[in-house]
């Protein structure tokens, strides 16, 4: 006799799923407020260091998106790559990757681009892409996949930053990739515990 097994939906990747839900809620809130919430909470730009909101925006900018195509482009890649990374590195480490990427890209943008608003999770996407190339690292080796991913993704961003005029923050993508690569190296070298 075969057992009847019922399939159930599992919340398999708490950090990635929570991040996705937060981004979706911020998108809805931004539509309802006609852009006000993105401008105040979910974009980073030069503002007074005496304002608490400046520090909120250093992290919050990764939750805001300019529109649905921007949102879906970022979230699709995060949902494809993120759960595999969270399973390998653990939820606490993935939360650290997201927060470190947000802070790094937010502070650099704040310092060097005072008149331009930055929002979106693309820095987090690039961090995850470069981090994913470290998943099969053996001690004393640099994976060829990491080199290829770095050359293709980061090289494309450098090229577009120099030769293509658009509203994409190529520096954010490069910084996100650098954060992901650095943390991938550290987490694999130190074999951080999963949480």
N, C-alpha and C. Protein backbone atom coordinates (compact mmCIF):
# COMPACT_ATOMS: atom_id res chain seq x y z
N UNK A 1 0.84 -1.18 0.00
CA UNK A 1 0.00 0.00 0.00
C UNK A 1 0.88 1.25 0.00
N UNK A 2 0.50 2.19 -0.79
CA UNK A 2 1.25 3.43 -0.82
C UNK A 2 0.58 4.45 0.09
N UNK A 3 1.42 5.19 0.76
CA UNK A 3 0.90 6.23 1.65
C UNK A 3 0.47 7.44 0.82
N UNK A 4 -0.61 8.05 1.26
CA UNK A 4 -1.02 9.31 0.63
C UNK A 4 -0.26 10.44 1.29
N UNK A 5 0.62 11.02 0.55
CA UNK A 5 1.40 12.14 1.09
C UNK A 5 0.86 13.43 0.54
N UNK A 6 0.61 14.34 1.42
CA UNK A 6 0.12 15.64 0.99
C UNK A 6 1.29 16.59 0.84
N UNK A 7 1.31 17.28 -0.25
CA UNK A 7 2.35 18.28 -0.47
C UNK A 7 1.95 19.55 0.26
N UNK A 8 2.93 20.19 0.86
CA UNK A 8 2.65 21.46 1.51
C UNK A 8 3.71 22.47 1.09
N UNK A 9 3.32 23.70 1.12
CA UNK A 9 4.25 24.78 0.76
C UNK A 9 5.10 25.09 1.98
N UNK A 10 6.41 25.19 1.76
CA UNK A 10 7.31 25.50 2.87
C UNK A 10 7.95 26.86 2.67
N UNK A 11 8.17 27.52 3.76
CA UNK A 11 8.86 28.82 3.76
C UNK A 11 10.35 28.50 3.80
N UNK A 12 10.87 28.01 2.65
CA UNK A 12 12.18 27.36 2.60
C UNK A 12 13.38 28.29 2.73
N UNK A 13 13.19 29.55 2.49
CA UNK A 13 14.32 30.48 2.48
C UNK A 13 13.88 31.78 3.15
N UNK A 14 13.89 31.82 4.48
CA UNK A 14 13.28 32.95 5.20
C UNK A 14 13.84 34.32 4.85
N UNK A 15 15.13 34.45 4.67
CA UNK A 15 15.70 35.77 4.37
C UNK A 15 15.31 36.20 2.96
N UNK A 16 15.47 35.33 1.99
CA UNK A 16 15.16 35.67 0.60
C UNK A 16 13.67 35.94 0.43
N UNK A 17 12.83 35.09 1.01
CA UNK A 17 11.39 35.29 0.88
C UNK A 17 10.94 36.55 1.61
N UNK A 18 11.48 36.81 2.79
CA UNK A 18 11.13 38.03 3.52
C UNK A 18 11.57 39.27 2.76
N UNK A 19 12.76 39.23 2.18
CA UNK A 19 13.26 40.34 1.37
C UNK A 19 12.34 40.59 0.18
N UNK A 20 11.93 39.52 -0.49
CA UNK A 20 11.03 39.62 -1.64
C UNK A 20 9.69 40.23 -1.24
N UNK A 21 9.14 39.76 -0.15
CA UNK A 21 7.85 40.28 0.34
C UNK A 21 7.98 41.75 0.71
N UNK A 22 9.06 42.12 1.39
CA UNK A 22 9.28 43.53 1.75
C UNK A 22 9.37 44.41 0.50
N UNK A 23 10.12 43.95 -0.50
CA UNK A 23 10.24 44.72 -1.74
C UNK A 23 8.88 44.89 -2.41
N UNK A 24 8.08 43.83 -2.41
CA UNK A 24 6.74 43.90 -3.00
C UNK A 24 5.87 44.90 -2.24
N UNK A 25 5.88 44.84 -0.91
CA UNK A 25 5.08 45.75 -0.11
C UNK A 25 5.53 47.21 -0.30
N UNK A 26 6.83 47.42 -0.39
CA UNK A 26 7.36 48.77 -0.64
C UNK A 26 6.91 49.25 -2.01
N UNK A 27 6.88 48.36 -3.01
CA UNK A 27 6.42 48.73 -4.35
C UNK A 27 4.96 49.17 -4.31
N UNK A 28 4.12 48.41 -3.63
CA UNK A 28 2.70 48.75 -3.50
C UNK A 28 2.54 50.07 -2.76
N UNK A 29 3.28 50.24 -1.68
CA UNK A 29 3.22 51.48 -0.90
C UNK A 29 3.65 52.68 -1.73
N UNK A 30 4.68 52.48 -2.54
CA UNK A 30 5.15 53.57 -3.40
C UNK A 30 4.09 53.97 -4.43
N UNK A 31 3.40 52.98 -4.99
CA UNK A 31 2.32 53.28 -5.95
C UNK A 31 1.20 54.04 -5.24
N UNK A 32 0.84 53.58 -4.05
CA UNK A 32 -0.26 54.22 -3.31
C UNK A 32 0.07 55.65 -2.91
N UNK A 33 1.35 55.93 -2.66
CA UNK A 33 1.76 57.28 -2.23
C UNK A 33 2.31 58.11 -3.38
N UNK A 34 2.19 57.58 -4.61
CA UNK A 34 2.67 58.28 -5.81
C UNK A 34 4.14 58.69 -5.73
N UNK A 35 4.96 57.78 -5.25
CA UNK A 35 6.40 58.00 -5.21
C UNK A 35 6.94 58.61 -3.93
N UNK A 36 6.07 59.02 -3.04
CA UNK A 36 6.52 59.69 -1.82
C UNK A 36 7.37 58.78 -0.94
N UNK A 37 6.93 57.53 -0.73
CA UNK A 37 7.67 56.64 0.18
C UNK A 37 9.04 56.28 -0.38
N UNK A 38 9.14 56.09 -1.70
CA UNK A 38 10.47 55.83 -2.26
C UNK A 38 11.39 57.01 -2.03
N UNK A 39 10.87 58.20 -2.22
CA UNK A 39 11.70 59.39 -2.06
C UNK A 39 12.16 59.59 -0.62
N UNK A 40 11.29 59.33 0.33
CA UNK A 40 11.62 59.59 1.73
C UNK A 40 12.39 58.44 2.38
N UNK A 41 12.00 57.19 2.11
CA UNK A 41 12.55 56.05 2.84
C UNK A 41 13.38 55.08 2.00
N UNK A 42 13.06 54.92 0.73
CA UNK A 42 13.60 53.81 -0.05
C UNK A 42 14.44 54.23 -1.23
N UNK A 43 15.12 55.35 -1.11
CA UNK A 43 16.13 55.82 -2.07
C UNK A 43 17.25 56.45 -1.26
N UNK A 44 18.44 56.37 -1.77
CA UNK A 44 19.56 57.03 -1.08
C UNK A 44 20.05 58.18 -1.93
N UNK A 45 20.34 59.29 -1.28
CA UNK A 45 20.84 60.50 -1.93
C UNK A 45 21.45 61.35 -0.83
N UNK A 46 22.13 62.42 -1.21
CA UNK A 46 22.79 63.27 -0.23
C UNK A 46 21.75 63.98 0.62
N UNK A 47 21.85 63.82 1.93
CA UNK A 47 20.98 64.50 2.89
C UNK A 47 21.78 64.69 4.17
N UNK A 48 21.19 65.38 5.10
CA UNK A 48 21.90 65.71 6.34
C UNK A 48 22.25 64.47 7.15
N UNK A 49 23.48 64.40 7.62
CA UNK A 49 23.90 63.30 8.49
C UNK A 49 23.27 63.40 9.87
N UNK A 50 22.61 64.50 10.16
CA UNK A 50 21.91 64.67 11.43
C UNK A 50 20.49 64.06 11.37
N UNK A 51 20.05 63.71 10.19
CA UNK A 51 18.72 63.13 10.03
C UNK A 51 18.76 61.62 10.17
N UNK A 52 17.88 61.09 10.99
CA UNK A 52 17.76 59.63 11.15
C UNK A 52 17.44 58.96 9.83
N UNK A 53 16.64 59.62 8.97
CA UNK A 53 16.22 59.02 7.70
C UNK A 53 17.39 58.78 6.76
N UNK A 54 18.44 59.56 6.89
CA UNK A 54 19.64 59.32 6.07
C UNK A 54 20.16 57.91 6.31
N UNK A 55 20.20 57.50 7.57
CA UNK A 55 20.73 56.18 7.92
C UNK A 55 19.75 55.07 7.57
N UNK A 56 18.46 55.35 7.65
CA UNK A 56 17.45 54.39 7.20
C UNK A 56 17.61 54.15 5.69
N UNK A 57 17.83 55.23 4.94
CA UNK A 57 17.97 55.11 3.48
C UNK A 57 19.25 54.37 3.07
N UNK A 58 20.30 54.41 3.90
CA UNK A 58 21.51 53.65 3.58
C UNK A 58 21.18 52.16 3.39
N UNK A 59 20.20 51.66 4.12
CA UNK A 59 19.79 50.26 4.00
C UNK A 59 18.50 50.10 3.19
N UNK A 60 17.56 51.04 3.37
CA UNK A 60 16.23 50.92 2.77
C UNK A 60 16.19 51.05 1.26
N UNK A 61 17.21 51.65 0.67
CA UNK A 61 17.18 51.86 -0.78
C UNK A 61 17.11 50.57 -1.58
N UNK A 62 17.57 49.45 -1.01
CA UNK A 62 17.52 48.18 -1.75
C UNK A 62 16.11 47.62 -1.82
N UNK A 63 15.19 48.15 -1.02
CA UNK A 63 13.80 47.68 -1.04
C UNK A 63 12.96 48.40 -2.08
N UNK A 64 13.35 49.62 -2.45
CA UNK A 64 12.57 50.42 -3.38
C UNK A 64 12.90 50.09 -4.83
N UNK A 65 11.89 50.22 -5.69
CA UNK A 65 12.09 50.01 -7.13
C UNK A 65 11.33 51.06 -7.91
N UNK A 66 11.85 51.40 -9.07
CA UNK A 66 11.29 52.48 -9.88
C UNK A 66 10.00 52.07 -10.60
N UNK A 67 9.77 50.80 -10.79
CA UNK A 67 8.58 50.32 -11.48
C UNK A 67 8.55 48.80 -11.46
N UNK A 68 7.49 48.24 -12.06
CA UNK A 68 7.32 46.80 -12.03
C UNK A 68 8.42 46.05 -12.78
N UNK A 69 8.87 46.57 -13.91
CA UNK A 69 9.92 45.85 -14.66
C UNK A 69 11.23 45.85 -13.87
N UNK A 70 11.52 46.95 -13.21
CA UNK A 70 12.70 47.04 -12.34
C UNK A 70 12.57 46.02 -11.21
N UNK A 71 11.41 45.98 -10.57
CA UNK A 71 11.14 45.06 -9.47
C UNK A 71 11.28 43.61 -9.92
N UNK A 72 10.57 43.23 -11.01
CA UNK A 72 10.59 41.85 -11.45
C UNK A 72 11.98 41.42 -11.94
N UNK A 73 12.69 42.32 -12.59
CA UNK A 73 14.05 41.99 -13.04
C UNK A 73 14.96 41.61 -11.89
N UNK A 74 14.90 42.38 -10.82
CA UNK A 74 15.74 42.09 -9.65
C UNK A 74 15.25 40.89 -8.86
N UNK A 75 13.96 40.86 -8.58
CA UNK A 75 13.41 39.82 -7.71
C UNK A 75 13.48 38.44 -8.35
N UNK A 76 13.31 38.36 -9.66
CA UNK A 76 13.41 37.06 -10.34
C UNK A 76 14.78 36.43 -10.11
N UNK A 77 15.83 37.21 -10.31
CA UNK A 77 17.18 36.68 -10.10
C UNK A 77 17.43 36.35 -8.64
N UNK A 78 16.93 37.18 -7.73
CA UNK A 78 17.10 36.91 -6.29
C UNK A 78 16.40 35.61 -5.91
N UNK A 79 15.20 35.38 -6.44
CA UNK A 79 14.47 34.15 -6.12
C UNK A 79 15.09 32.91 -6.75
N UNK A 80 15.80 33.06 -7.85
CA UNK A 80 16.47 31.92 -8.48
C UNK A 80 17.76 31.56 -7.73
N UNK A 81 18.57 32.55 -7.43
CA UNK A 81 19.89 32.30 -6.85
C UNK A 81 19.86 32.28 -5.33
N UNK A 82 19.06 33.16 -4.73
CA UNK A 82 19.08 33.36 -3.28
C UNK A 82 18.82 32.14 -2.43
N UNK A 83 17.76 31.34 -2.69
CA UNK A 83 17.50 30.18 -1.84
C UNK A 83 18.64 29.16 -1.82
N UNK A 84 19.32 28.97 -2.95
CA UNK A 84 20.46 28.05 -2.99
C UNK A 84 21.59 28.57 -2.10
N UNK A 85 21.81 29.89 -2.15
CA UNK A 85 22.86 30.48 -1.32
C UNK A 85 22.48 30.43 0.16
N UNK A 86 21.22 30.68 0.45
CA UNK A 86 20.78 30.64 1.85
C UNK A 86 20.89 29.23 2.42
N UNK A 87 20.62 28.24 1.58
CA UNK A 87 20.77 26.85 2.04
C UNK A 87 22.23 26.53 2.32
N UNK A 88 23.13 27.02 1.47
CA UNK A 88 24.55 26.73 1.65
C UNK A 88 25.16 27.52 2.81
N UNK A 89 24.89 28.82 2.87
CA UNK A 89 25.57 29.69 3.83
C UNK A 89 24.77 29.96 5.10
N UNK A 90 23.48 29.70 5.09
CA UNK A 90 22.65 29.94 6.25
C UNK A 90 21.97 31.30 6.19
N UNK A 91 20.88 31.42 6.91
CA UNK A 91 20.06 32.63 6.87
C UNK A 91 20.78 33.84 7.43
N UNK A 92 21.48 33.69 8.55
CA UNK A 92 22.17 34.84 9.16
C UNK A 92 23.24 35.39 8.23
N UNK A 93 23.98 34.51 7.57
CA UNK A 93 25.01 34.96 6.64
C UNK A 93 24.40 35.65 5.43
N UNK A 94 23.26 35.15 4.94
CA UNK A 94 22.62 35.79 3.79
C UNK A 94 22.07 37.16 4.18
N UNK A 95 21.53 37.27 5.37
CA UNK A 95 21.07 38.58 5.84
C UNK A 95 22.25 39.54 5.90
N UNK A 96 23.39 39.06 6.37
CA UNK A 96 24.58 39.90 6.43
C UNK A 96 25.02 40.34 5.03
N UNK A 97 24.95 39.45 4.05
CA UNK A 97 25.30 39.80 2.67
C UNK A 97 24.40 40.92 2.16
N UNK A 98 23.10 40.79 2.40
CA UNK A 98 22.15 41.81 1.94
C UNK A 98 22.43 43.15 2.63
N UNK A 99 22.61 43.12 3.94
CA UNK A 99 22.84 44.37 4.69
C UNK A 99 24.19 45.00 4.33
N UNK A 100 25.22 44.18 4.18
CA UNK A 100 26.54 44.71 3.82
C UNK A 100 26.51 45.33 2.43
N UNK A 101 25.81 44.70 1.51
CA UNK A 101 25.68 45.24 0.15
C UNK A 101 24.92 46.55 0.17
N UNK A 102 23.80 46.58 0.91
CA UNK A 102 23.00 47.80 1.00
C UNK A 102 23.82 48.95 1.58
N UNK A 103 24.52 48.70 2.66
CA UNK A 103 25.31 49.76 3.31
C UNK A 103 26.44 50.23 2.41
N UNK A 104 27.16 49.30 1.81
CA UNK A 104 28.29 49.67 0.94
C UNK A 104 27.82 50.52 -0.24
N UNK A 105 26.81 50.04 -0.95
CA UNK A 105 26.33 50.77 -2.13
C UNK A 105 25.68 52.09 -1.72
N UNK A 106 24.96 52.09 -0.59
CA UNK A 106 24.31 53.32 -0.12
C UNK A 106 25.29 54.40 0.26
N UNK A 107 26.32 54.03 1.02
CA UNK A 107 27.30 55.02 1.47
C UNK A 107 28.12 55.56 0.30
N UNK A 108 28.57 54.67 -0.59
CA UNK A 108 29.36 55.12 -1.75
C UNK A 108 28.53 56.06 -2.62
N UNK A 109 27.27 55.71 -2.85
CA UNK A 109 26.41 56.58 -3.66
C UNK A 109 26.19 57.92 -2.95
N UNK A 110 25.96 57.89 -1.67
CA UNK A 110 25.76 59.11 -0.87
C UNK A 110 26.95 60.05 -1.02
N UNK A 111 28.15 59.50 -0.99
CA UNK A 111 29.37 60.32 -1.04
C UNK A 111 29.63 60.85 -2.45
N UNK A 112 29.52 60.00 -3.46
CA UNK A 112 30.00 60.37 -4.79
C UNK A 112 28.93 60.88 -5.76
N UNK A 113 27.66 60.64 -5.44
CA UNK A 113 26.58 61.07 -6.34
C UNK A 113 25.51 61.82 -5.57
N UNK A 114 25.83 63.01 -5.09
CA UNK A 114 24.93 63.74 -4.18
C UNK A 114 23.61 64.17 -4.79
N UNK A 115 23.54 64.33 -6.10
CA UNK A 115 22.32 64.85 -6.73
C UNK A 115 21.50 63.79 -7.45
N UNK A 116 21.86 62.52 -7.26
CA UNK A 116 21.17 61.43 -7.95
C UNK A 116 20.60 60.47 -6.91
N UNK A 117 19.32 60.09 -7.09
CA UNK A 117 18.69 59.12 -6.20
C UNK A 117 19.01 57.70 -6.68
N UNK A 118 19.35 56.83 -5.73
CA UNK A 118 19.61 55.42 -6.03
C UNK A 118 18.58 54.56 -5.31
N UNK A 119 17.98 53.63 -6.05
CA UNK A 119 17.09 52.67 -5.42
C UNK A 119 17.10 51.39 -6.21
N UNK A 120 16.75 50.30 -5.55
CA UNK A 120 16.67 49.01 -6.21
C UNK A 120 17.62 47.98 -5.62
N UNK A 121 17.32 46.72 -5.89
CA UNK A 121 18.06 45.61 -5.32
C UNK A 121 19.12 45.05 -6.27
N UNK A 122 19.50 45.79 -7.29
CA UNK A 122 20.44 45.24 -8.26
C UNK A 122 21.83 45.02 -7.66
N UNK A 123 22.23 45.83 -6.70
CA UNK A 123 23.50 45.57 -6.01
C UNK A 123 23.46 44.23 -5.29
N UNK A 124 22.33 43.93 -4.67
CA UNK A 124 22.14 42.64 -3.98
C UNK A 124 22.16 41.51 -5.00
N UNK A 125 21.54 41.71 -6.15
CA UNK A 125 21.55 40.70 -7.21
C UNK A 125 22.99 40.39 -7.62
N UNK A 126 23.79 41.42 -7.86
CA UNK A 126 25.18 41.19 -8.28
C UNK A 126 26.01 40.56 -7.17
N UNK A 127 25.72 40.92 -5.91
CA UNK A 127 26.41 40.27 -4.79
C UNK A 127 26.12 38.77 -4.81
N UNK A 128 24.86 38.41 -5.04
CA UNK A 128 24.48 37.00 -5.05
C UNK A 128 25.07 36.26 -6.25
N UNK A 129 25.12 36.93 -7.39
CA UNK A 129 25.70 36.29 -8.58
C UNK A 129 27.17 35.94 -8.34
N UNK A 130 27.93 36.89 -7.82
CA UNK A 130 29.35 36.62 -7.56
C UNK A 130 29.53 35.65 -6.41
N UNK A 131 28.68 35.77 -5.38
CA UNK A 131 28.73 34.84 -4.25
C UNK A 131 28.46 33.42 -4.71
N UNK A 132 27.53 33.25 -5.64
CA UNK A 132 27.16 31.91 -6.11
C UNK A 132 28.33 31.20 -6.80
N UNK A 133 29.23 31.96 -7.37
CA UNK A 133 30.36 31.32 -8.05
C UNK A 133 31.39 30.76 -7.05
N UNK A 134 31.19 31.02 -5.76
CA UNK A 134 32.08 30.49 -4.72
C UNK A 134 31.52 29.23 -4.07
N UNK A 135 30.37 28.75 -4.51
CA UNK A 135 29.71 27.65 -3.80
C UNK A 135 30.47 26.34 -3.85
N UNK A 136 31.31 26.14 -4.84
CA UNK A 136 32.05 24.87 -4.96
C UNK A 136 33.55 25.06 -4.77
N UNK A 137 33.93 26.00 -3.93
CA UNK A 137 35.35 26.30 -3.76
C UNK A 137 36.02 25.23 -2.91
N UNK A 138 37.20 24.83 -3.35
CA UNK A 138 38.05 23.95 -2.55
C UNK A 138 39.24 24.77 -2.09
N UNK A 139 39.79 24.39 -0.96
CA UNK A 139 40.89 25.16 -0.37
C UNK A 139 42.06 25.28 -1.34
N UNK A 140 42.56 26.51 -1.46
CA UNK A 140 43.71 26.78 -2.31
C UNK A 140 43.38 26.92 -3.79
N UNK A 141 42.10 26.96 -4.12
CA UNK A 141 41.70 27.07 -5.53
C UNK A 141 40.83 28.30 -5.75
N UNK A 142 40.95 28.86 -6.93
CA UNK A 142 40.03 29.91 -7.37
C UNK A 142 39.22 29.30 -8.50
N UNK A 143 37.91 29.20 -8.33
CA UNK A 143 37.11 28.55 -9.36
C UNK A 143 37.11 29.32 -10.67
N UNK A 144 37.25 28.60 -11.77
CA UNK A 144 37.18 29.22 -13.09
C UNK A 144 35.83 29.88 -13.30
N UNK A 145 34.77 29.30 -12.72
CA UNK A 145 33.44 29.91 -12.83
C UNK A 145 33.43 31.31 -12.22
N UNK A 146 34.14 31.48 -11.10
CA UNK A 146 34.21 32.81 -10.48
C UNK A 146 34.89 33.80 -11.43
N UNK A 147 35.99 33.38 -12.03
CA UNK A 147 36.72 34.27 -12.95
C UNK A 147 35.84 34.65 -14.14
N UNK A 148 35.15 33.67 -14.71
CA UNK A 148 34.28 33.94 -15.86
C UNK A 148 33.12 34.86 -15.48
N UNK A 149 32.49 34.58 -14.34
CA UNK A 149 31.37 35.41 -13.89
C UNK A 149 31.86 36.83 -13.63
N UNK A 150 32.99 36.96 -12.97
CA UNK A 150 33.53 38.29 -12.67
C UNK A 150 33.84 39.05 -13.95
N UNK A 151 34.49 38.40 -14.88
CA UNK A 151 34.85 39.06 -16.14
C UNK A 151 33.60 39.45 -16.92
N UNK A 152 32.65 38.53 -17.03
CA UNK A 152 31.45 38.80 -17.83
C UNK A 152 30.57 39.85 -17.17
N UNK A 153 30.20 39.65 -15.91
CA UNK A 153 29.26 40.57 -15.26
C UNK A 153 29.89 41.91 -14.93
N UNK A 154 31.05 41.88 -14.30
CA UNK A 154 31.69 43.14 -13.92
C UNK A 154 32.22 43.86 -15.17
N UNK A 155 32.79 43.10 -16.10
CA UNK A 155 33.27 43.70 -17.35
C UNK A 155 32.16 44.40 -18.11
N UNK A 156 30.99 43.77 -18.17
CA UNK A 156 29.84 44.39 -18.83
C UNK A 156 29.45 45.69 -18.14
N UNK A 157 29.50 45.72 -16.82
CA UNK A 157 29.12 46.93 -16.08
C UNK A 157 30.13 48.06 -16.30
N UNK A 158 31.40 47.70 -16.35
CA UNK A 158 32.43 48.72 -16.62
C UNK A 158 32.21 49.28 -18.03
N UNK A 159 32.00 48.41 -19.01
CA UNK A 159 31.77 48.85 -20.38
C UNK A 159 30.55 49.77 -20.45
N UNK A 160 29.42 49.33 -19.88
CA UNK A 160 28.20 50.14 -19.93
C UNK A 160 28.36 51.46 -19.18
N UNK A 161 29.10 51.43 -18.08
CA UNK A 161 29.32 52.66 -17.32
C UNK A 161 30.09 53.70 -18.12
N UNK A 162 30.97 53.23 -18.99
CA UNK A 162 31.78 54.15 -19.80
C UNK A 162 31.08 54.55 -21.10
N UNK A 163 30.45 53.59 -21.77
CA UNK A 163 29.98 53.84 -23.13
C UNK A 163 28.46 53.94 -23.30
N UNK A 164 27.66 53.58 -22.31
CA UNK A 164 26.20 53.57 -22.47
C UNK A 164 25.58 54.60 -21.54
N UNK A 165 24.74 55.46 -22.11
CA UNK A 165 24.00 56.45 -21.31
C UNK A 165 22.64 55.88 -20.95
N UNK A 166 22.42 55.59 -19.68
CA UNK A 166 21.11 55.11 -19.21
C UNK A 166 20.95 55.46 -17.73
N UNK A 167 19.86 55.03 -17.15
CA UNK A 167 19.60 55.33 -15.74
C UNK A 167 20.03 54.19 -14.83
N UNK A 168 20.95 53.37 -15.27
CA UNK A 168 21.42 52.23 -14.50
C UNK A 168 22.67 52.63 -13.73
N UNK A 169 22.72 52.27 -12.45
CA UNK A 169 23.90 52.56 -11.65
C UNK A 169 24.88 51.40 -11.76
N UNK A 170 25.74 51.48 -12.76
CA UNK A 170 26.72 50.42 -12.97
C UNK A 170 27.67 50.29 -11.80
N UNK A 171 27.98 51.40 -11.14
CA UNK A 171 28.86 51.34 -9.97
C UNK A 171 28.23 50.50 -8.87
N UNK A 172 26.93 50.61 -8.69
CA UNK A 172 26.23 49.81 -7.68
C UNK A 172 26.36 48.33 -8.01
N UNK A 173 26.24 47.97 -9.28
CA UNK A 173 26.39 46.57 -9.68
C UNK A 173 27.82 46.08 -9.40
N UNK A 174 28.79 46.91 -9.74
CA UNK A 174 30.19 46.53 -9.51
C UNK A 174 30.46 46.38 -8.01
N UNK A 175 29.99 47.35 -7.21
CA UNK A 175 30.20 47.27 -5.76
C UNK A 175 29.49 46.05 -5.18
N UNK A 176 28.26 45.79 -5.62
CA UNK A 176 27.54 44.61 -5.15
C UNK A 176 28.31 43.34 -5.46
N UNK A 177 28.83 43.25 -6.69
CA UNK A 177 29.62 42.09 -7.07
C UNK A 177 30.88 41.95 -6.22
N UNK A 178 31.52 43.08 -5.91
CA UNK A 178 32.73 43.04 -5.07
C UNK A 178 32.39 42.57 -3.66
N UNK A 179 31.27 43.05 -3.11
CA UNK A 179 30.85 42.61 -1.77
C UNK A 179 30.57 41.10 -1.79
N UNK A 180 29.83 40.64 -2.80
CA UNK A 180 29.53 39.20 -2.90
C UNK A 180 30.78 38.36 -3.04
N UNK A 181 31.73 38.81 -3.86
CA UNK A 181 32.98 38.07 -4.05
C UNK A 181 33.79 38.03 -2.75
N UNK A 182 33.90 39.18 -2.09
CA UNK A 182 34.68 39.24 -0.85
C UNK A 182 34.06 38.37 0.24
N UNK A 183 32.75 38.47 0.39
CA UNK A 183 32.08 37.67 1.42
C UNK A 183 32.08 36.19 1.07
N UNK A 184 31.98 35.87 -0.22
CA UNK A 184 32.08 34.47 -0.64
C UNK A 184 33.44 33.90 -0.28
N UNK A 185 34.48 34.67 -0.53
CA UNK A 185 35.83 34.23 -0.20
C UNK A 185 35.97 34.02 1.31
N UNK A 186 35.51 34.99 2.09
CA UNK A 186 35.63 34.92 3.55
C UNK A 186 34.80 33.77 4.11
N UNK A 187 33.55 33.63 3.65
CA UNK A 187 32.69 32.58 4.20
C UNK A 187 33.21 31.20 3.86
N UNK A 188 33.77 31.03 2.68
CA UNK A 188 34.33 29.73 2.33
C UNK A 188 35.64 29.47 3.05
N UNK A 189 36.45 30.50 3.19
CA UNK A 189 37.74 30.33 3.87
C UNK A 189 37.54 30.01 5.34
N UNK A 190 36.64 30.72 6.00
CA UNK A 190 36.42 30.52 7.43
C UNK A 190 35.36 29.47 7.73
N UNK A 191 34.73 28.95 6.68
CA UNK A 191 33.67 27.95 6.84
C UNK A 191 32.70 28.38 7.93
N UNK A 192 32.09 29.56 7.72
CA UNK A 192 31.16 30.12 8.70
C UNK A 192 30.04 29.13 9.00
N UNK A 193 29.63 29.13 10.26
CA UNK A 193 28.55 28.25 10.69
C UNK A 193 27.22 28.71 10.10
N UNK A 194 26.38 27.75 9.77
CA UNK A 194 25.04 28.08 9.30
C UNK A 194 24.15 28.38 10.49
N UNK A 195 23.22 29.31 10.28
CA UNK A 195 22.26 29.65 11.35
C UNK A 195 20.87 29.34 10.88
